[in-house]
Every structure is written in C-alpha cells, then in structure tokens.
Protein backbone atom coordinates (compact mmCIF):
# COMPACT_ATOMS: atom_id res chain seq x y z
CA MET A 1 84.83 75.13 98.82
CA GLU A 2 85.14 75.51 95.08
CA ALA A 3 83.26 78.83 95.19
CA LEU A 4 85.71 80.15 97.80
CA ARG A 5 88.61 79.00 95.64
CA GLN A 6 87.18 80.74 92.58
CA LEU A 7 86.66 84.00 94.47
CA SER A 8 90.27 83.86 95.57
CA LEU A 9 91.58 83.14 92.08
CA GLU A 10 89.55 86.08 90.73
CA GLY A 11 91.13 88.32 93.35
CA ASN A 12 87.80 89.01 95.04
CA LYS A 13 89.18 89.12 98.60
CA GLN A 14 86.52 91.67 99.59
CA ALA A 15 83.75 89.12 99.03
CA LEU A 16 85.73 86.48 100.93
CA ARG A 17 86.01 88.79 103.95
CA LYS A 18 82.22 89.26 104.05
CA LEU A 19 81.40 85.54 104.07
CA ASN A 20 80.78 83.39 107.12
CA VAL A 21 81.41 79.80 106.09
CA ILE A 22 81.01 76.63 108.09
CA LEU A 23 82.13 73.35 106.54
CA ALA A 24 80.01 70.81 108.38
CA ALA A 25 80.86 67.26 107.32
CA PRO A 26 82.11 68.32 103.89
CA ASP A 27 82.20 65.60 101.26
CA ILE A 28 85.67 66.42 99.94
CA ASP A 29 88.94 64.56 99.67
CA GLU A 30 91.50 65.68 102.27
CA ASP A 31 94.21 66.32 99.67
CA VAL A 32 91.85 68.35 97.46
CA PHE A 33 90.76 70.36 100.49
CA ALA A 34 94.37 71.09 101.45
CA SER A 35 95.26 72.27 97.95
CA GLN A 36 92.17 74.52 97.79
CA VAL A 37 92.96 76.04 101.19
CA ASP A 38 96.45 76.84 99.89
CA VAL A 39 94.93 78.72 96.95
CA ILE A 40 92.45 80.64 99.16
CA GLY A 41 95.12 81.67 101.64
CA PRO A 42 94.57 83.03 105.13
CA LEU A 43 91.23 84.59 106.02
CA ASP A 44 90.41 87.05 108.77
CA PRO A 45 89.21 85.36 111.96
CA PRO A 46 85.54 85.86 112.83
C-alpha cells in the first residue's frame, strides 16, 4: 500500500495503471488505509 502511495505522490500514474494489485488480508489500520487510498486516488478498473 505504501508503494502505491509513493508512486502516486511522485506523479507516476503510468506505473500505477500497469499494476494489478490484490490486497488479501492486509495488515493495515483501517484509518491509515483510507487516508492512503485518498492520496492514491481513483484507478482504472481491471
């Protein structure tokens, strides 16, 4: 999740579009996850 957030902050949306990510049982606080998703923004659906 942090890597996705960093790519977004760097403006590397092209790399984000090429990734297929599955978060299976992530060990992350719900509030932290929500704030990171806000930073990443919307992604293209698969």
